Amino acid sequence: MAPVRVLVRDDPADDDRLTPRDLEVLRLVAGGLSDGEIAAASVLRPATAETSASRILSRLDLRDRVQAVVHACGRGLVT
């Protein structure tokens, strides 16, 4: 699997609904990380990483993590 490059660019038009931590978790979700890997990378508990990912889906009105990846790519959060 090719590594995902993460851009440090926040798009305020859409992501007013997301906290800086949410944006960080969204980038990691888009990178294909599991809840455990997100937790380790973000200094969170795995359950907290899962809750954060669920909250992001809810705030952005997305069904699943695949839509979150598409959203993140469309917003230029990952390339």
PDB file of N, CA and C in Angstrom:
ATOM      1  N   MET A   1       0.843  -1.173   0.000  1.00  0.00           N
ATOM      2  CA  MET A   1       0.000   0.000   0.000  1.00  0.00           C
ATOM      3  C   MET A   1       0.886   1.234   0.000  1.00  0.00           C
ATOM      4  N   ALA A   2       0.570   2.157  -0.888  1.00  0.00           N
ATOM      5  CA  ALA A   2       1.349   3.384  -0.972  1.00  0.00           C
ATOM      6  C   ALA A   2       1.028   4.282   0.221  1.00  0.00           C
ATOM      7  N   PRO A   3       2.024   4.977   0.741  1.00  0.00           N
ATOM      8  CA  PRO A   3       1.765   5.866   1.871  1.00  0.00           C
ATOM      9  C   PRO A   3       0.869   7.020   1.450  1.00  0.00           C
ATOM     10  N   VAL A   4       0.086   7.519   2.374  1.00  0.00           N
ATOM     11  CA  VAL A   4      -0.800   8.652   2.136  1.00  0.00           C
ATOM     12  C   VAL A   4      -0.094   9.901   2.632  1.00  0.00           C
ATOM     13  N   ARG A   5      -0.019  10.882   1.762  1.00  0.00           N
ATOM     14  CA  ARG A   5       0.559  12.157   2.174  1.00  0.00           C
ATOM     15  C   ARG A   5      -0.531  12.978   2.834  1.00  0.00           C
ATOM     16  N   VAL A   6      -0.246  13.532   3.981  1.00  0.00           N
ATOM     17  CA  VAL A   6      -1.223  14.329   4.718  1.00  0.00           C
ATOM     18  C   VAL A   6      -0.878  15.803   4.572  1.00  0.00           C
ATOM     19  N   LEU A   7      -1.849  16.572   4.115  1.00  0.00           N
ATOM     20  CA  LEU A   7      -1.664  18.005   3.988  1.00  0.00           C
ATOM     21  C   LEU A   7      -2.162  18.683   5.254  1.00  0.00           C
ATOM     22  N   VAL A   8      -1.465  19.703   5.668  1.00  0.00           N
ATOM     23  CA  VAL A   8      -1.906  20.465   6.833  1.00  0.00           C
ATOM     24  C   VAL A   8      -2.610  21.707   6.301  1.00  0.00           C
ATOM     25  N   ARG A   9      -3.855  21.476   5.885  1.00  0.00           N
ATOM     26  CA  ARG A   9      -4.654  22.570   5.342  1.00  0.00           C
ATOM     27  C   ARG A   9      -6.087  22.383   5.817  1.00  0.00           C
ATOM     28  N   ASP A  10      -6.615  23.358   6.494  1.00  0.00           N
ATOM     29  CA  ASP A  10      -7.989  23.287   6.951  1.00  0.00           C
ATOM     30  C   ASP A  10      -8.853  24.144   6.042  1.00  0.00           C
ATOM     31  N   ASP A  11      -9.976  23.586   5.628  1.00  0.00           N
ATOM     32  CA  ASP A  11     -10.916  24.302   4.779  1.00  0.00           C
ATOM     33  C   ASP A  11     -12.068  24.788   5.649  1.00  0.00           C
ATOM     34  N   PRO A  12     -12.078  26.055   6.036  1.00  0.00           N
ATOM     35  CA  PRO A  12     -13.098  26.527   6.962  1.00  0.00           C
ATOM     36  C   PRO A  12     -14.511  26.491   6.399  1.00  0.00           C
ATOM     37  N   ALA A  13     -14.673  26.473   5.081  1.00  0.00           N
ATOM     38  CA  ALA A  13     -16.011  26.472   4.493  1.00  0.00           C
ATOM     39  C   ALA A  13     -16.812  25.259   4.950  1.00  0.00           C
ATOM     40  N   ASP A  14     -16.207  24.108   4.947  1.00  0.00           N
ATOM     41  CA  ASP A  14     -16.900  22.884   5.322  1.00  0.00           C
ATOM     42  C   ASP A  14     -16.641  22.528   6.773  1.00  0.00           C
ATOM     43  N   ASP A  15     -15.480  22.714   7.193  1.00  0.00           N
ATOM     44  CA  ASP A  15     -15.061  22.089   8.424  1.00  0.00           C
ATOM     45  C   ASP A  15     -15.240  22.975   9.643  1.00  0.00           C
ATOM     46  N   ASP A  16     -16.160  23.947   9.541  1.00  0.00           N
ATOM     47  CA  ASP A  16     -16.589  24.670  10.730  1.00  0.00           C
ATOM     48  C   ASP A  16     -17.230  23.692  11.704  1.00  0.00           C
ATOM     49  N   ARG A  17     -17.767  22.598  11.161  1.00  0.00           N
ATOM     50  CA  ARG A  17     -18.449  21.600  11.975  1.00  0.00           C
ATOM     51  C   ARG A  17     -17.475  20.671  12.680  1.00  0.00           C
ATOM     52  N   LEU A  18     -16.197  20.748  12.321  1.00  0.00           N
ATOM     53  CA  LEU A  18     -15.209  19.831  12.886  1.00  0.00           C
ATOM     54  C   LEU A  18     -14.196  20.573  13.742  1.00  0.00           C
ATOM     55  N   THR A  19     -13.838  19.961  14.853  1.00  0.00           N
ATOM     56  CA  THR A  19     -12.787  20.516  15.710  1.00  0.00           C
ATOM     57  C   THR A  19     -11.433  20.187  15.090  1.00  0.00           C
ATOM     58  N   PRO A  20     -10.382  20.833  15.536  1.00  0.00           N
ATOM     59  CA  PRO A  20      -9.052  20.462  15.046  1.00  0.00           C
ATOM     60  C   PRO A  20      -8.752  18.977  15.292  1.00  0.00           C
ATOM     61  N   ARG A  21      -9.189  18.422  16.420  1.00  0.00           N
ATOM     62  CA  ARG A  21      -8.986  16.995  16.695  1.00  0.00           C
ATOM     63  C   ARG A  21      -9.771  16.144  15.696  1.00  0.00           C
ATOM     64  N   ASP A  22     -11.008  16.575  15.374  1.00  0.00           N
ATOM     65  CA  ASP A  22     -11.806  15.859  14.379  1.00  0.00           C
ATOM     66  C   ASP A  22     -11.086  15.831  13.035  1.00  0.00           C
ATOM     67  N   LEU A  23     -10.507  16.956  12.644  1.00  0.00           N
ATOM     68  CA  LEU A  23      -9.778  17.011  11.374  1.00  0.00           C
ATOM     69  C   LEU A  23      -8.589  16.061  11.388  1.00  0.00           C
ATOM     70  N   GLU A  24      -7.904  16.009  12.513  1.00  0.00           N
ATOM     71  CA  GLU A  24      -6.770  15.092  12.649  1.00  0.00           C
ATOM     72  C   GLU A  24      -7.243  13.645  12.496  1.00  0.00           C
ATOM     73  N   VAL A  25      -8.323  13.290  13.178  1.00  0.00           N
ATOM     74  CA  VAL A  25      -8.852  11.925  13.095  1.00  0.00           C
ATOM     75  C   VAL A  25      -9.340  11.637  11.685  1.00  0.00           C
ATOM     76  N   LEU A  26      -9.995  12.599  11.039  1.00  0.00           N
ATOM     77  CA  LEU A  26     -10.467  12.408   9.665  1.00  0.00           C
ATOM     78  C   LEU A  26      -9.299  12.120   8.732  1.00  0.00           C
ATOM     79  N   ARG A  27      -8.216  12.837   8.897  1.00  0.00           N
ATOM     80  CA  ARG A  27      -7.031  12.590   8.061  1.00  0.00           C
ATOM     81  C   ARG A  27      -6.492  11.175   8.285  1.00  0.00           C
ATOM     82  N   LEU A  28      -6.500  10.731   9.522  1.00  0.00           N
ATOM     83  CA  LEU A  28      -6.001   9.392   9.834  1.00  0.00           C
ATOM     84  C   LEU A  28      -6.946   8.312   9.312  1.00  0.00           C
ATOM     85  N   VAL A  29      -8.250   8.551   9.416  1.00  0.00           N
ATOM     86  CA  VAL A  29      -9.232   7.627   8.837  1.00  0.00           C
ATOM     87  C   VAL A  29      -8.995   7.530   7.335  1.00  0.00           C
ATOM     88  N   ALA A  30      -8.811   8.679   6.691  1.00  0.00           N
ATOM     89  CA  ALA A  30      -8.570   8.700   5.251  1.00  0.00           C
ATOM     90  C   ALA A  30      -7.270   8.001   4.879  1.00  0.00           C
ATOM     91  N   GLY A  31      -6.347   7.946   5.823  1.00  0.00           N
ATOM     92  CA  GLY A  31      -5.094   7.236   5.597  1.00  0.00           C
ATOM     93  C   GLY A  31      -5.227   5.734   5.765  1.00  0.00           C
ATOM     94  N   GLY A  32      -6.429   5.275   6.129  1.00  0.00           N
ATOM     95  CA  GLY A  32      -6.679   3.842   6.240  1.00  0.00           C
ATOM     96  C   GLY A  32      -6.331   3.251   7.592  1.00  0.00           C
ATOM     97  N   LEU A  33      -6.117   4.086   8.590  1.00  0.00           N
ATOM     98  CA  LEU A  33      -5.741   3.585   9.907  1.00  0.00           C
ATOM     99  C   LEU A  33      -6.939   3.004  10.642  1.00  0.00           C
ATOM    100  N   SER A  34      -6.689   1.982  11.428  1.00  0.00           N
ATOM    101  CA  SER A  34      -7.721   1.386  12.283  1.00  0.00           C
ATOM    102  C   SER A  34      -7.911   2.271  13.511  1.00  0.00           C
ATOM    103  N   ASP A  35      -8.952   1.969  14.293  1.00  0.00           N
ATOM    104  CA  ASP A  35      -9.172   2.737  15.519  1.00  0.00           C
ATOM    105  C   ASP A  35      -7.965   2.650  16.449  1.00  0.00           C
ATOM    106  N   GLY A  36      -7.364   1.475  16.556  1.00  0.00           N
ATOM    107  CA  GLY A  36      -6.186   1.311  17.400  1.00  0.00           C
ATOM    108  C   GLY A  36      -5.009   2.133  16.908  1.00  0.00           C
ATOM    109  N   GLU A  37      -4.817   2.152  15.592  1.00  0.00           N
ATOM    110  CA  GLU A  37      -3.715   2.938  15.014  1.00  0.00           C
ATOM    111  C   GLU A  37      -3.978   4.436  15.158  1.00  0.00           C
ATOM    112  N   ILE A  38      -5.235   4.841  14.985  1.00  0.00           N
ATOM    113  CA  ILE A  38      -5.598   6.251  15.181  1.00  0.00           C
ATOM    114  C   ILE A  38      -5.333   6.636  16.635  1.00  0.00           C
ATOM    115  N   ALA A  39      -5.721   5.757  17.548  1.00  0.00           N
ATOM    116  CA  ALA A  39      -5.509   6.025  18.976  1.00  0.00           C
ATOM    117  C   ALA A  39      -4.031   6.221  19.276  1.00  0.00           C
ATOM    118  N   ALA A  40      -3.198   5.338  18.746  1.00  0.00           N
ATOM    119  CA  ALA A  40      -1.758   5.432  18.994  1.00  0.00           C
ATOM    120  C   ALA A  40      -1.168   6.709  18.396  1.00  0.00           C
ATOM    121  N   ALA A  41      -1.619   7.069  17.205  1.00  0.00           N
ATOM    122  CA  ALA A  41      -1.084   8.256  16.535  1.00  0.00           C
ATOM    123  C   ALA A  41      -1.573   9.551  17.174  1.00  0.00           C
ATOM    124  N   SER A  42      -2.723   9.501  17.817  1.00  0.00           N
ATOM    125  CA  SER A  42      -3.336  10.715  18.360  1.00  0.00           C
ATOM    126  C   SER A  42      -3.333  10.778  19.876  1.00  0.00           C
ATOM    127  N   VAL A  43      -2.716   9.807  20.520  1.00  0.00           N
ATOM    128  CA  VAL A  43      -2.688   9.714  21.976  1.00  0.00           C
ATOM    129  C   VAL A  43      -4.125   9.691  22.529  1.00  0.00           C
ATOM    130  N   LEU A  44      -4.911   8.784  21.980  1.00  0.00           N
ATOM    131  CA  LEU A  44      -6.290   8.563  22.421  1.00  0.00           C
ATOM    132  C   LEU A  44      -6.444   7.101  22.800  1.00  0.00           C
ATOM    133  N   ARG A  45      -7.533   6.798  23.494  1.00  0.00           N
ATOM    134  CA  ARG A  45      -7.889   5.400  23.711  1.00  0.00           C
ATOM    135  C   ARG A  45      -8.596   4.908  22.457  1.00  0.00           C
ATOM    136  N   PRO A  46      -8.502   3.628  22.117  1.00  0.00           N
ATOM    137  CA  PRO A  46      -9.178   3.127  20.917  1.00  0.00           C
ATOM    138  C   PRO A  46     -10.681   3.435  20.907  1.00  0.00           C
ATOM    139  N   ALA A  47     -11.342   3.329  22.056  1.00  0.00           N
ATOM    140  CA  ALA A  47     -12.773   3.639  22.114  1.00  0.00           C
ATOM    141  C   ALA A  47     -13.033   5.110  21.800  1.00  0.00           C
ATOM    142  N   THR A  48     -12.132   5.982  22.232  1.00  0.00           N
ATOM    143  CA  THR A  48     -12.276   7.408  21.949  1.00  0.00           C
ATOM    144  C   THR A  48     -12.061   7.677  20.468  1.00  0.00           C
ATOM    145  N   ALA A  49     -11.110   6.989  19.860  1.00  0.00           N
ATOM    146  CA  ALA A  49     -10.881   7.128  18.422  1.00  0.00           C
ATOM    147  C   ALA A  49     -12.120   6.693  17.643  1.00  0.00           C
ATOM    148  N   GLU A  50     -12.731   5.602  18.070  1.00  0.00           N
ATOM    149  CA  GLU A  50     -13.951   5.120  17.405  1.00  0.00           C
ATOM    150  C   GLU A  50     -15.088   6.132  17.568  1.00  0.00           C
ATOM    151  N   THR A  51     -15.231   6.681  18.767  1.00  0.00           N
ATOM    152  CA  THR A  51     -16.264   7.684  19.019  1.00  0.00           C
ATOM    153  C   THR A  51     -16.015   8.930  18.171  1.00  0.00           C
ATOM    154  N   SER A  52     -14.765   9.340  18.068  1.00  0.00           N
ATOM    155  CA  SER A  52     -14.431  10.518  17.263  1.00  0.00           C
ATOM    156  C   SER A  52     -14.783  10.291  15.799  1.00  0.00           C
ATOM    157  N   ALA A  53     -14.456   9.120  15.281  1.00  0.00           N
ATOM    158  CA  ALA A  53     -14.776   8.805  13.890  1.00  0.00           C
ATOM    159  C   ALA A  53     -16.285   8.808  13.673  1.00  0.00           C
ATOM    160  N   SER A  54     -17.035   8.255  14.604  1.00  0.00           N
ATOM    161  CA  SER A  54     -18.495   8.242  14.496  1.00  0.00           C
ATOM    162  C   SER A  54     -19.066   9.654  14.540  1.00  0.00           C
ATOM    163  N   ARG A  55     -18.512  10.491  15.408  1.00  0.00           N
ATOM    164  CA  ARG A  55     -18.971  11.875  15.526  1.00  0.00           C
ATOM    165  C   ARG A  55     -18.707  12.640  14.222  1.00  0.00           C
ATOM    166  N   ILE A  56     -17.576  12.386  13.598  1.00  0.00           N
ATOM    167  CA  ILE A  56     -17.243  13.034  12.323  1.00  0.00           C
ATOM    168  C   ILE A  56     -18.273  12.640  11.261  1.00  0.00           C
ATOM    169  N   LEU A  57     -18.582  11.360  11.191  1.00  0.00           N
ATOM    170  CA  LEU A  57     -19.581  10.892  10.220  1.00  0.00           C
ATOM    171  C   LEU A  57     -20.908  11.593  10.456  1.00  0.00           C
ATOM    172  N   SER A  58     -21.297  11.708  11.694  1.00  0.00           N
ATOM    173  CA  SER A  58     -22.559  12.349  12.028  1.00  0.00           C
ATOM    174  C   SER A  58     -22.545  13.833  11.672  1.00  0.00           C
ATOM    175  N   ARG A  59     -21.500  14.525  12.039  1.00  0.00           N
ATOM    176  CA  ARG A  59     -21.415  15.972  11.784  1.00  0.00           C
ATOM    177  C   ARG A  59     -21.404  16.292  10.296  1.00  0.00           C
ATOM    178  N   LEU A  60     -20.796  15.415   9.504  1.00  0.00           N
ATOM    179  CA  LEU A  60     -20.702  15.649   8.061  1.00  0.00           C
ATOM    180  C   LEU A  60     -21.814  14.946   7.290  1.00  0.00           C
ATOM    181  N   ASP A  61     -22.724  14.287   8.017  1.00  0.00           N
ATOM    182  CA  ASP A  61     -23.843  13.568   7.410  1.00  0.00           C
ATOM    183  C   ASP A  61     -23.349  12.525   6.400  1.00  0.00           C
ATOM    184  N   LEU A  62     -22.375  11.721   6.837  1.00  0.00           N
ATOM    185  CA  LEU A  62     -21.809  10.662   6.010  1.00  0.00           C
ATOM    186  C   LEU A  62     -22.232   9.304   6.565  1.00  0.00           C
ATOM    187  N   ARG A  63     -22.339   8.306   5.685  1.00  0.00           N
ATOM    188  CA  ARG A  63     -22.782   6.971   6.098  1.00  0.00           C
ATOM    189  C   ARG A  63     -21.675   6.123   6.700  1.00  0.00           C
ATOM    190  N   ASP A  64     -20.466   6.231   6.133  1.00  0.00           N
ATOM    191  CA  ASP A  64     -19.415   5.315   6.556  1.00  0.00           C
ATOM    192  C   ASP A  64     -18.043   5.932   6.314  1.00  0.00           C
ATOM    193  N   ARG A  65     -17.016   5.181   6.671  1.00  0.00           N
ATOM    194  CA  ARG A  65     -15.646   5.682   6.553  1.00  0.00           C
ATOM    195  C   ARG A  65     -15.215   5.853   5.102  1.00  0.00           C
ATOM    196  N   VAL A  66     -15.800   5.077   4.211  1.00  0.00           N
ATOM    197  CA  VAL A  66     -15.474   5.246   2.787  1.00  0.00           C
ATOM    198  C   VAL A  66     -15.907   6.639   2.339  1.00  0.00           C
ATOM    199  N   GLN A  67     -17.104   7.048   2.719  1.00  0.00           N
ATOM    200  CA  GLN A  67     -17.540   8.397   2.385  1.00  0.00           C
ATOM    201  C   GLN A  67     -16.642   9.441   3.048  1.00  0.00           C
ATOM    202  N   ALA A  68     -16.165   9.156   4.235  1.00  0.00           N
ATOM    203  CA  ALA A  68     -15.261  10.085   4.919  1.00  0.00           C
ATOM    204  C   ALA A  68     -13.965  10.242   4.139  1.00  0.00           C
ATOM    205  N   VAL A  69     -13.457   9.143   3.588  1.00  0.00           N
ATOM    206  CA  VAL A  69     -12.232   9.203   2.777  1.00  0.00           C
ATOM    207  C   VAL A  69     -12.489  10.042   1.527  1.00  0.00           C
ATOM    208  N   VAL A  70     -13.604   9.804   0.856  1.00  0.00           N
ATOM    209  CA  VAL A  70     -13.944  10.579  -0.333  1.00  0.00           C
ATOM    210  C   VAL A  70     -14.064  12.051   0.025  1.00  0.00           C
ATOM    211  N   HIS A  71     -14.710  12.335   1.133  1.00  0.00           N
ATOM    212  CA  HIS A  71     -14.862  13.720   1.597  1.00  0.00           C
ATOM    213  C   HIS A  71     -13.494  14.363   1.849  1.00  0.00           C
ATOM    214  N   ALA A  72     -12.641  13.655   2.571  1.00  0.00           N
ATOM    215  CA  ALA A  72     -11.315  14.190   2.902  1.00  0.00           C
ATOM    216  C   ALA A  72     -10.494  14.445   1.639  1.00  0.00           C
ATOM    217  N   CYS A  73     -10.577  13.521   0.691  1.00  0.00           N
ATOM    218  CA  CYS A  73      -9.846  13.703  -0.570  1.00  0.00           C
ATOM    219  C   CYS A  73     -10.405  14.889  -1.354  1.00  0.00           C
ATOM    220  N   GLY A  74     -11.728  15.008  -1.384  1.00  0.00           N
ATOM    221  CA  GLY A  74     -12.362  16.100  -2.093  1.00  0.00           C
ATOM    222  C   GLY A  74     -12.048  17.464  -1.504  1.00  0.00           C
ATOM    223  N   ARG A  75     -11.780  17.499  -0.215  1.00  0.00           N
ATOM    224  CA  ARG A  75     -11.446  18.746   0.465  1.00  0.00           C
ATOM    225  C   ARG A  75      -9.948  19.015   0.482  1.00  0.00           C
ATOM    226  N   GLY A  76      -9.173  18.113  -0.096  1.00  0.00           N
ATOM    227  CA  GLY A  76      -7.727  18.327  -0.130  1.00  0.00           C
ATOM    228  C   GLY A  76      -7.023  18.040   1.176  1.00  0.00           C
ATOM    229  N   LEU A  77      -7.687  17.294   2.056  1.00  0.00           N
ATOM    230  CA  LEU A  77      -7.062  16.965   3.335  1.00  0.00           C
ATOM    231  C   LEU A  77      -6.012  15.880   3.177  1.00  0.00           C
ATOM    232  N   VAL A  78      -6.165  15.043   2.160  1.00  0.00           N
ATOM    233  CA  VAL A  78      -5.170  14.008   1.842  1.00  0.00           C
ATOM    234  C   VAL A  78      -5.022  13.947   0.329  1.00  0.00           C
ATOM    235  N   THR A  79      -3.880  13.444  -0.113  1.00  0.00           N
ATOM    236  CA  THR A  79      -3.661  13.274  -1.555  1.00  0.00           C
ATOM    237  C   THR A  79      -3.181  11.884  -1.831  1.00  0.00           C
TER     238      THR A  79
END
